[in-house]
């Protein structure tokens, strides 16, 4: 059985109930031009207890489809913003 995907990101929106929008940023070097490229994705993640707030750094894991857009679940809050 395959291991579930884990990603680390920052919560950018907490306006929905039990759902957070998490920004995942990926930095890599371009294969031909050797330039550092930054790419970002905004993923919707399930937060059952509404514990995370905007600005928190969280660890999310891939899960079964929860709704039309939600395929991730917040596993733990790594750093809180004060």
PDB file of N, CA and C in Angstrom:
ATOM      1  N   UNK A   1       0.835  -1.191   0.000  1.00  0.00           N
ATOM      2  CA  UNK A   1       0.000   0.000   0.000  1.00  0.00           C
ATOM      3  C   UNK A   1       0.873   1.245   0.000  1.00  0.00           C
ATOM      4  N   UNK A   2       0.517   2.220  -0.808  1.00  0.00           N
ATOM      5  CA  UNK A   2       1.322   3.437  -0.947  1.00  0.00           C
ATOM      6  C   UNK A   2       1.177   4.338   0.272  1.00  0.00           C
ATOM      7  N   UNK A   3       2.253   5.042   0.575  1.00  0.00           N
ATOM      8  CA  UNK A   3       2.230   5.978   1.697  1.00  0.00           C
ATOM      9  C   UNK A   3       1.504   7.256   1.276  1.00  0.00           C
ATOM     10  N   UNK A   4       0.769   7.869   2.199  1.00  0.00           N
ATOM     11  CA  UNK A   4       0.007   9.070   1.849  1.00  0.00           C
ATOM     12  C   UNK A   4       0.942  10.254   1.643  1.00  0.00           C
ATOM     13  N   UNK A   5       0.574  11.130   0.725  1.00  0.00           N
ATOM     14  CA  UNK A   5       1.372  12.321   0.452  1.00  0.00           C
ATOM     15  C   UNK A   5       1.216  13.312   1.590  1.00  0.00           C
ATOM     16  N   UNK A   6       2.316  13.954   1.971  1.00  0.00           N
ATOM     17  CA  UNK A   6       2.315  14.991   3.006  1.00  0.00           C
ATOM     18  C   UNK A   6       2.889  16.262   2.397  1.00  0.00           C
ATOM     19  N   UNK A   7       2.298  17.390   2.742  1.00  0.00           N
ATOM     20  CA  UNK A   7       2.800  18.678   2.273  1.00  0.00           C
ATOM     21  C   UNK A   7       2.779  19.661   3.436  1.00  0.00           C
ATOM     22  N   UNK A   8       3.685  20.621   3.398  1.00  0.00           N
ATOM     23  CA  UNK A   8       3.726  21.661   4.411  1.00  0.00           C
ATOM     24  C   UNK A   8       3.357  22.977   3.735  1.00  0.00           C
ATOM     25  N   UNK A   9       2.506  23.773   4.386  1.00  0.00           N
ATOM     26  CA  UNK A   9       2.075  25.021   3.779  1.00  0.00           C
ATOM     27  C   UNK A   9       1.557  26.003   4.805  1.00  0.00           C
ATOM     28  N   UNK A  10       1.080  27.135   4.305  1.00  0.00           N
ATOM     29  CA  UNK A  10       0.580  28.211   5.154  1.00  0.00           C
ATOM     30  C   UNK A  10      -0.906  28.403   4.879  1.00  0.00           C
ATOM     31  N   UNK A  11      -1.692  28.538   5.929  1.00  0.00           N
ATOM     32  CA  UNK A  11      -3.129  28.787   5.784  1.00  0.00           C
ATOM     33  C   UNK A  11      -3.323  30.222   5.310  1.00  0.00           C
ATOM     34  N   UNK A  12      -3.994  30.393   4.171  1.00  0.00           N
ATOM     35  CA  UNK A  12      -4.224  31.736   3.632  1.00  0.00           C
ATOM     36  C   UNK A  12      -5.674  32.174   3.759  1.00  0.00           C
ATOM     37  N   UNK A  13      -6.585  31.239   4.068  1.00  0.00           N
ATOM     38  CA  UNK A  13      -7.981  31.606   4.257  1.00  0.00           C
ATOM     39  C   UNK A  13      -8.630  30.656   5.256  1.00  0.00           C
ATOM     40  N   UNK A  14      -9.387  31.246   6.204  1.00  0.00           N
ATOM     41  CA  UNK A  14     -10.130  30.427   7.163  1.00  0.00           C
ATOM     42  C   UNK A  14     -11.587  30.877   7.244  1.00  0.00           C
ATOM     43  N   UNK A  15     -12.132  31.356   6.127  1.00  0.00           N
ATOM     44  CA  UNK A  15     -13.483  31.909   6.112  1.00  0.00           C
ATOM     45  C   UNK A  15     -14.573  30.844   6.005  1.00  0.00           C
ATOM     46  N   UNK A  16     -14.211  29.619   5.602  1.00  0.00           N
ATOM     47  CA  UNK A  16     -15.209  28.555   5.476  1.00  0.00           C
ATOM     48  C   UNK A  16     -15.240  27.713   6.752  1.00  0.00           C
ATOM     49  N   UNK A  17     -16.356  27.078   7.004  1.00  0.00           N
ATOM     50  CA  UNK A  17     -16.464  26.192   8.158  1.00  0.00           C
ATOM     51  C   UNK A  17     -15.800  24.855   7.843  1.00  0.00           C
ATOM     52  N   UNK A  18     -14.908  24.428   8.713  1.00  0.00           N
ATOM     53  CA  UNK A  18     -14.206  23.145   8.621  1.00  0.00           C
ATOM     54  C   UNK A  18     -13.357  23.011   7.362  1.00  0.00           C
ATOM     55  N   UNK A  19     -13.059  24.106   6.682  1.00  0.00           N
ATOM     56  CA  UNK A  19     -12.229  24.077   5.477  1.00  0.00           C
ATOM     57  C   UNK A  19     -11.213  25.205   5.542  1.00  0.00           C
ATOM     58  N   UNK A  20      -9.980  24.913   5.174  1.00  0.00           N
ATOM     59  CA  UNK A  20      -8.927  25.920   5.119  1.00  0.00           C
ATOM     60  C   UNK A  20      -8.295  25.874   3.735  1.00  0.00           C
ATOM     61  N   UNK A  21      -7.894  27.047   3.239  1.00  0.00           N
ATOM     62  CA  UNK A  21      -7.149  27.111   1.990  1.00  0.00           C
ATOM     63  C   UNK A  21      -5.680  27.215   2.377  1.00  0.00           C
ATOM     64  N   UNK A  22      -4.877  26.255   1.892  1.00  0.00           N
ATOM     65  CA  UNK A  22      -3.465  26.172   2.267  1.00  0.00           C
ATOM     66  C   UNK A  22      -2.616  26.432   1.029  1.00  0.00           C
ATOM     67  N   UNK A  23      -1.657  27.344   1.159  1.00  0.00           N
ATOM     68  CA  UNK A  23      -0.740  27.681   0.069  1.00  0.00           C
ATOM     69  C   UNK A  23       0.509  26.814   0.192  1.00  0.00           C
ATOM     70  N   UNK A  24       0.758  26.024  -0.844  1.00  0.00           N
ATOM     71  CA  UNK A  24       1.936  25.161  -0.895  1.00  0.00           C
ATOM     72  C   UNK A  24       2.903  25.792  -1.881  1.00  0.00           C
ATOM     73  N   UNK A  25       4.093  26.136  -1.426  1.00  0.00           N
ATOM     74  CA  UNK A  25       5.080  26.738  -2.329  1.00  0.00           C
ATOM     75  C   UNK A  25       6.203  25.739  -2.579  1.00  0.00           C
ATOM     76  N   UNK A  26       6.587  25.643  -3.842  1.00  0.00           N
ATOM     77  CA  UNK A  26       7.603  24.682  -4.267  1.00  0.00           C
ATOM     78  C   UNK A  26       8.703  25.456  -4.977  1.00  0.00           C
ATOM     79  N   UNK A  27       9.939  25.223  -4.604  1.00  0.00           N
ATOM     80  CA  UNK A  27      11.080  25.911  -5.194  1.00  0.00           C
ATOM     81  C   UNK A  27      11.964  24.861  -5.863  1.00  0.00           C
ATOM     82  N   UNK A  28      12.271  25.079  -7.142  1.00  0.00           N
ATOM     83  CA  UNK A  28      13.135  24.138  -7.852  1.00  0.00           C
ATOM     84  C   UNK A  28      13.974  24.893  -8.874  1.00  0.00           C
ATOM     85  N   UNK A  29      15.013  24.248  -9.375  1.00  0.00           N
ATOM     86  CA  UNK A  29      15.887  24.844 -10.367  1.00  0.00           C
ATOM     87  C   UNK A  29      15.444  24.385 -11.742  1.00  0.00           C
ATOM     88  N   UNK A  30      15.317  25.331 -12.680  1.00  0.00           N
ATOM     89  CA  UNK A  30      14.877  25.001 -14.034  1.00  0.00           C
ATOM     90  C   UNK A  30      15.907  24.090 -14.692  1.00  0.00           C
ATOM     91  N   UNK A  31      15.462  23.008 -15.355  1.00  0.00           N
ATOM     92  CA  UNK A  31      16.413  22.043 -15.913  1.00  0.00           C
ATOM     93  C   UNK A  31      17.343  22.611 -16.992  1.00  0.00           C
ATOM     94  N   UNK A  32      16.835  23.509 -17.813  1.00  0.00           N
ATOM     95  CA  UNK A  32      17.680  24.042 -18.883  1.00  0.00           C
ATOM     96  C   UNK A  32      18.353  25.348 -18.490  1.00  0.00           C
ATOM     97  N   UNK A  33      17.607  26.271 -17.921  1.00  0.00           N
ATOM     98  CA  UNK A  33      18.130  27.618 -17.685  1.00  0.00           C
ATOM     99  C   UNK A  33      18.762  27.804 -16.314  1.00  0.00           C
ATOM    100  N   UNK A  34      18.680  26.782 -15.469  1.00  0.00           N
ATOM    101  CA  UNK A  34      19.329  26.788 -14.153  1.00  0.00           C
ATOM    102  C   UNK A  34      18.872  27.929 -13.254  1.00  0.00           C
ATOM    103  N   UNK A  35      17.718  28.485 -13.550  1.00  0.00           N
ATOM    104  CA  UNK A  35      17.206  29.597 -12.747  1.00  0.00           C
ATOM    105  C   UNK A  35      16.276  29.037 -11.672  1.00  0.00           C
ATOM    106  N   UNK A  36      16.287  29.642 -10.506  1.00  0.00           N
ATOM    107  CA  UNK A  36      15.421  29.189  -9.431  1.00  0.00           C
ATOM    108  C   UNK A  36      13.987  29.640  -9.722  1.00  0.00           C
ATOM    109  N   UNK A  37      13.064  28.681  -9.720  1.00  0.00           N
ATOM    110  CA  UNK A  37      11.670  28.945 -10.056  1.00  0.00           C
ATOM    111  C   UNK A  37      10.814  28.648  -8.830  1.00  0.00           C
ATOM    112  N   UNK A  38       9.866  29.536  -8.531  1.00  0.00           N
ATOM    113  CA  UNK A  38       8.944  29.335  -7.422  1.00  0.00           C
ATOM    114  C   UNK A  38       7.553  29.100  -7.994  1.00  0.00           C
ATOM    115  N   UNK A  39       6.913  28.033  -7.570  1.00  0.00           N
ATOM    116  CA  UNK A  39       5.555  27.726  -8.000  1.00  0.00           C
ATOM    117  C   UNK A  39       4.705  27.537  -6.746  1.00  0.00           C
ATOM    118  N   UNK A  40       3.459  27.951  -6.832  1.00  0.00           N
ATOM    119  CA  UNK A  40       2.574  27.845  -5.676  1.00  0.00           C
ATOM    120  C   UNK A  40       1.250  27.217  -6.086  1.00  0.00           C
ATOM    121  N   UNK A  41       0.648  26.483  -5.149  1.00  0.00           N
ATOM    122  CA  UNK A  41      -0.678  25.907  -5.339  1.00  0.00           C
ATOM    123  C   UNK A  41      -1.501  26.210  -4.108  1.00  0.00           C
ATOM    124  N   UNK A  42      -2.779  26.432  -4.322  1.00  0.00           N
ATOM    125  CA  UNK A  42      -3.714  26.647  -3.216  1.00  0.00           C
ATOM    126  C   UNK A  42      -4.621  25.428  -3.135  1.00  0.00           C
ATOM    127  N   UNK A  43      -4.512  24.693  -2.048  1.00  0.00           N
ATOM    128  CA  UNK A  43      -5.294  23.478  -1.868  1.00  0.00           C
ATOM    129  C   UNK A  43      -6.296  23.675  -0.738  1.00  0.00           C
ATOM    130  N   UNK A  44      -7.473  23.085  -0.887  1.00  0.00           N
ATOM    131  CA  UNK A  44      -8.463  23.120   0.184  1.00  0.00           C
ATOM    132  C   UNK A  44      -8.238  21.906   1.078  1.00  0.00           C
ATOM    133  N   UNK A  45      -8.178  22.158   2.385  1.00  0.00           N
ATOM    134  CA  UNK A  45      -7.920  21.088   3.348  1.00  0.00           C
ATOM    135  C   UNK A  45      -9.000  21.084   4.421  1.00  0.00           C
ATOM    136  N   UNK A  46      -9.349  19.890   4.886  1.00  0.00           N
ATOM    137  CA  UNK A  46     -10.376  19.719   5.904  1.00  0.00           C
ATOM    138  C   UNK A  46      -9.781  19.940   7.287  1.00  0.00           C
ATOM    139  N   UNK A  47     -10.458  20.763   8.097  1.00  0.00           N
ATOM    140  CA  UNK A  47     -10.050  21.035   9.475  1.00  0.00           C
ATOM    141  C   UNK A  47     -11.273  20.832  10.365  1.00  0.00           C
ATOM    142  N   UNK A  48     -11.409  19.647  10.916  1.00  0.00           N
ATOM    143  CA  UNK A  48     -12.621  19.248  11.641  1.00  0.00           C
ATOM    144  C   UNK A  48     -12.933  20.154  12.821  1.00  0.00           C
ATOM    145  N   UNK A  49     -11.906  20.608  13.546  1.00  0.00           N
ATOM    146  CA  UNK A  49     -12.133  21.379  14.777  1.00  0.00           C
ATOM    147  C   UNK A  49     -12.007  22.886  14.575  1.00  0.00           C
ATOM    148  N   UNK A  50     -11.786  23.348  13.362  1.00  0.00           N
ATOM    149  CA  UNK A  50     -11.581  24.777  13.076  1.00  0.00           C
ATOM    150  C   UNK A  50     -10.450  25.357  13.932  1.00  0.00           C
ATOM    151  N   UNK A  51      -9.392  24.582  14.158  1.00  0.00           N
ATOM    152  CA  UNK A  51      -8.305  24.992  15.053  1.00  0.00           C
ATOM    153  C   UNK A  51      -7.309  25.927  14.390  1.00  0.00           C
ATOM    154  N   UNK A  52      -7.069  25.776  13.096  1.00  0.00           N
ATOM    155  CA  UNK A  52      -6.048  26.595  12.427  1.00  0.00           C
ATOM    156  C   UNK A  52      -6.620  27.942  12.006  1.00  0.00           C
ATOM    157  N   UNK A  53      -5.763  28.934  11.992  1.00  0.00           N
ATOM    158  CA  UNK A  53      -6.137  30.296  11.608  1.00  0.00           C
ATOM    159  C   UNK A  53      -5.226  30.765  10.474  1.00  0.00           C
ATOM    160  N   UNK A  54      -5.576  31.875   9.858  1.00  0.00           N
ATOM    161  CA  UNK A  54      -4.775  32.436   8.771  1.00  0.00           C
ATOM    162  C   UNK A  54      -3.366  32.743   9.269  1.00  0.00           C
ATOM    163  N   UNK A  55      -2.371  32.308   8.503  1.00  0.00           N
ATOM    164  CA  UNK A  55      -0.979  32.550   8.853  1.00  0.00           C
ATOM    165  C   UNK A  55      -0.294  31.372   9.511  1.00  0.00           C
ATOM    166  N   UNK A  56      -1.057  30.387   9.978  1.00  0.00           N
ATOM    167  CA  UNK A  56      -0.463  29.214  10.628  1.00  0.00           C
ATOM    168  C   UNK A  56       0.238  28.335   9.603  1.00  0.00           C
ATOM    169  N   UNK A  57       1.371  27.750  10.002  1.00  0.00           N
ATOM    170  CA  UNK A  57       2.057  26.765   9.164  1.00  0.00           C
ATOM    171  C   UNK A  57       1.535  25.398   9.563  1.00  0.00           C
ATOM    172  N   UNK A  58       1.031  24.631   8.578  1.00  0.00           N
ATOM    173  CA  UNK A  58       0.382  23.358   8.860  1.00  0.00           C
ATOM    174  C   UNK A  58       0.963  22.233   8.011  1.00  0.00           C
ATOM    175  N   UNK A  59       0.765  21.015   8.483  1.00  0.00           N
ATOM    176  CA  UNK A  59       1.120  19.811   7.747  1.00  0.00           C
ATOM    177  C   UNK A  59      -0.189  19.189   7.282  1.00  0.00           C
ATOM    178  N   UNK A  60      -0.316  18.967   5.966  1.00  0.00           N
ATOM    179  CA  UNK A  60      -1.545  18.372   5.435  1.00  0.00           C
ATOM    180  C   UNK A  60      -1.214  17.030   4.796  1.00  0.00           C
ATOM    181  N   UNK A  61      -2.209  16.142   4.799  1.00  0.00           N
ATOM    182  CA  UNK A  61      -2.026  14.831   4.183  1.00  0.00           C
ATOM    183  C   UNK A  61      -3.153  14.567   3.192  1.00  0.00           C
ATOM    184  N   UNK A  62      -2.824  13.825   2.152  1.00  0.00           N
ATOM    185  CA  UNK A  62      -3.817  13.477   1.144  1.00  0.00           C
ATOM    186  C   UNK A  62      -4.784  12.452   1.726  1.00  0.00           C
ATOM    187  N   UNK A  63      -6.057  12.572   1.357  1.00  0.00           N
ATOM    188  CA  UNK A  63      -7.074  11.673   1.881  1.00  0.00           C
ATOM    189  C   UNK A  63      -8.127  11.407   0.806  1.00  0.00           C
ATOM    190  N   UNK A  64      -9.123  10.649   1.160  1.00  0.00           N
ATOM    191  CA  UNK A  64     -10.203  10.380   0.208  1.00  0.00           C
ATOM    192  C   UNK A  64     -10.936  11.689  -0.097  1.00  0.00           C
ATOM    193  N   UNK A  65     -11.649  11.786  -1.209  1.00  0.00           N
ATOM    194  CA  UNK A  65     -12.400  13.006  -1.497  1.00  0.00           C
ATOM    195  C   UNK A  65     -13.458  13.272  -0.427  1.00  0.00           C
ATOM    196  N   UNK A  66     -13.406  14.463   0.156  1.00  0.00           N
ATOM    197  CA  UNK A  66     -14.356  14.848   1.197  1.00  0.00           C
ATOM    198  C   UNK A  66     -15.490  15.670   0.579  1.00  0.00           C
ATOM    199  N   UNK A  67     -15.168  16.471  -0.426  1.00  0.00           N
ATOM    200  CA  UNK A  67     -16.175  17.232  -1.154  1.00  0.00           C
ATOM    201  C   UNK A  67     -15.672  17.406  -2.586  1.00  0.00           C
ATOM    202  N   UNK A  68     -16.308  18.303  -3.335  1.00  0.00           N
ATOM    203  CA  UNK A  68     -15.930  18.513  -4.733  1.00  0.00           C
ATOM    204  C   UNK A  68     -14.465  18.921  -4.866  1.00  0.00           C
ATOM    205  N   UNK A  69     -13.981  19.793  -3.990  1.00  0.00           N
ATOM    206  CA  UNK A  69     -12.616  20.314  -4.089  1.00  0.00           C
ATOM    207  C   UNK A  69     -11.660  19.795  -3.019  1.00  0.00           C
ATOM    208  N   UNK A  70     -12.180  19.266  -1.915  1.00  0.00           N
ATOM    209  CA  UNK A  70     -11.318  18.881  -0.794  1.00  0.00           C
ATOM    210  C   UNK A  70     -10.800  17.455  -0.942  1.00  0.00           C
ATOM    211  N   UNK A  71      -9.465  17.336  -1.022  1.00  0.00           N
ATOM    212  CA  UNK A  71      -8.802  16.031  -1.071  1.00  0.00           C
ATOM    213  C   UNK A  71      -7.675  15.952  -0.049  1.00  0.00           C
ATOM    214  N   UNK A  72      -7.583  16.933   0.837  1.00  0.00           N
ATOM    215  CA  UNK A  72      -6.508  17.003   1.830  1.00  0.00           C
ATOM    216  C   UNK A  72      -7.107  17.219   3.209  1.00  0.00           C
ATOM    217  N   UNK A  73      -6.377  16.817   4.230  1.00  0.00           N
ATOM    218  CA  UNK A  73      -6.803  16.968   5.621  1.00  0.00           C
ATOM    219  C   UNK A  73      -5.634  17.537   6.419  1.00  0.00           C
ATOM    220  N   UNK A  74      -5.931  18.485   7.313  1.00  0.00           N
ATOM    221  CA  UNK A  74      -4.877  19.057   8.151  1.00  0.00           C
ATOM    222  C   UNK A  74      -4.501  18.031   9.209  1.00  0.00           C
ATOM    223  N   UNK A  75      -3.236  17.645   9.220  1.00  0.00           N
ATOM    224  CA  UNK A  75      -2.759  16.645  10.162  1.00  0.00           C
ATOM    225  C   UNK A  75      -2.335  17.281  11.483  1.00  0.00           C
ATOM    226  N   UNK A  76      -1.523  18.360  11.387  1.00  0.00           N
ATOM    227  CA  UNK A  76      -1.115  19.062  12.613  1.00  0.00           C
ATOM    228  C   UNK A  76      -0.723  20.493  12.277  1.00  0.00           C
ATOM    229  N   UNK A  77      -0.772  21.320  13.317  1.00  0.00           N
ATOM    230  CA  UNK A  77      -0.363  22.723  13.188  1.00  0.00           C
ATOM    231  C   UNK A  77       1.079  22.792  13.661  1.00  0.00           C
ATOM    232  N   UNK A  78       1.982  23.184  12.765  1.00  0.00           N
ATOM    233  CA  UNK A  78       3.407  23.209  13.090  1.00  0.00           C
ATOM    234  C   UNK A  78       3.814  24.490  13.807  1.00  0.00           C
ATOM    235  N   UNK A  79       3.280  25.625  13.356  1.00  0.00           N
ATOM    236  CA  UNK A  79       3.617  26.913  13.991  1.00  0.00           C
ATOM    237  C   UNK A  79       2.396  27.811  13.941  1.00  0.00           C
ATOM    238  N   UNK A  80       2.108  28.428  15.057  1.00  0.00           N
ATOM    239  CA  UNK A  80       0.964  29.343  15.127  1.00  0.00           C
ATOM    240  C   UNK A  80       1.442  30.777  14.971  1.00  0.00           C
ATOM    241  N   UNK A  81       0.608  31.595  14.346  1.00  0.00           N
ATOM    242  CA  UNK A  81       0.895  33.017  14.246  1.00  0.00           C
ATOM    243  C   UNK A  81       0.190  33.684  15.433  1.00  0.00           C
ATOM    244  N   UNK A  82       0.851  34.663  16.045  1.00  0.00           N
ATOM    245  CA  UNK A  82       0.243  35.275  17.241  1.00  0.00           C
ATOM    246  C   UNK A  82      -0.514  36.532  16.937  1.00  0.00           C
TER     247      UNK A  82
END
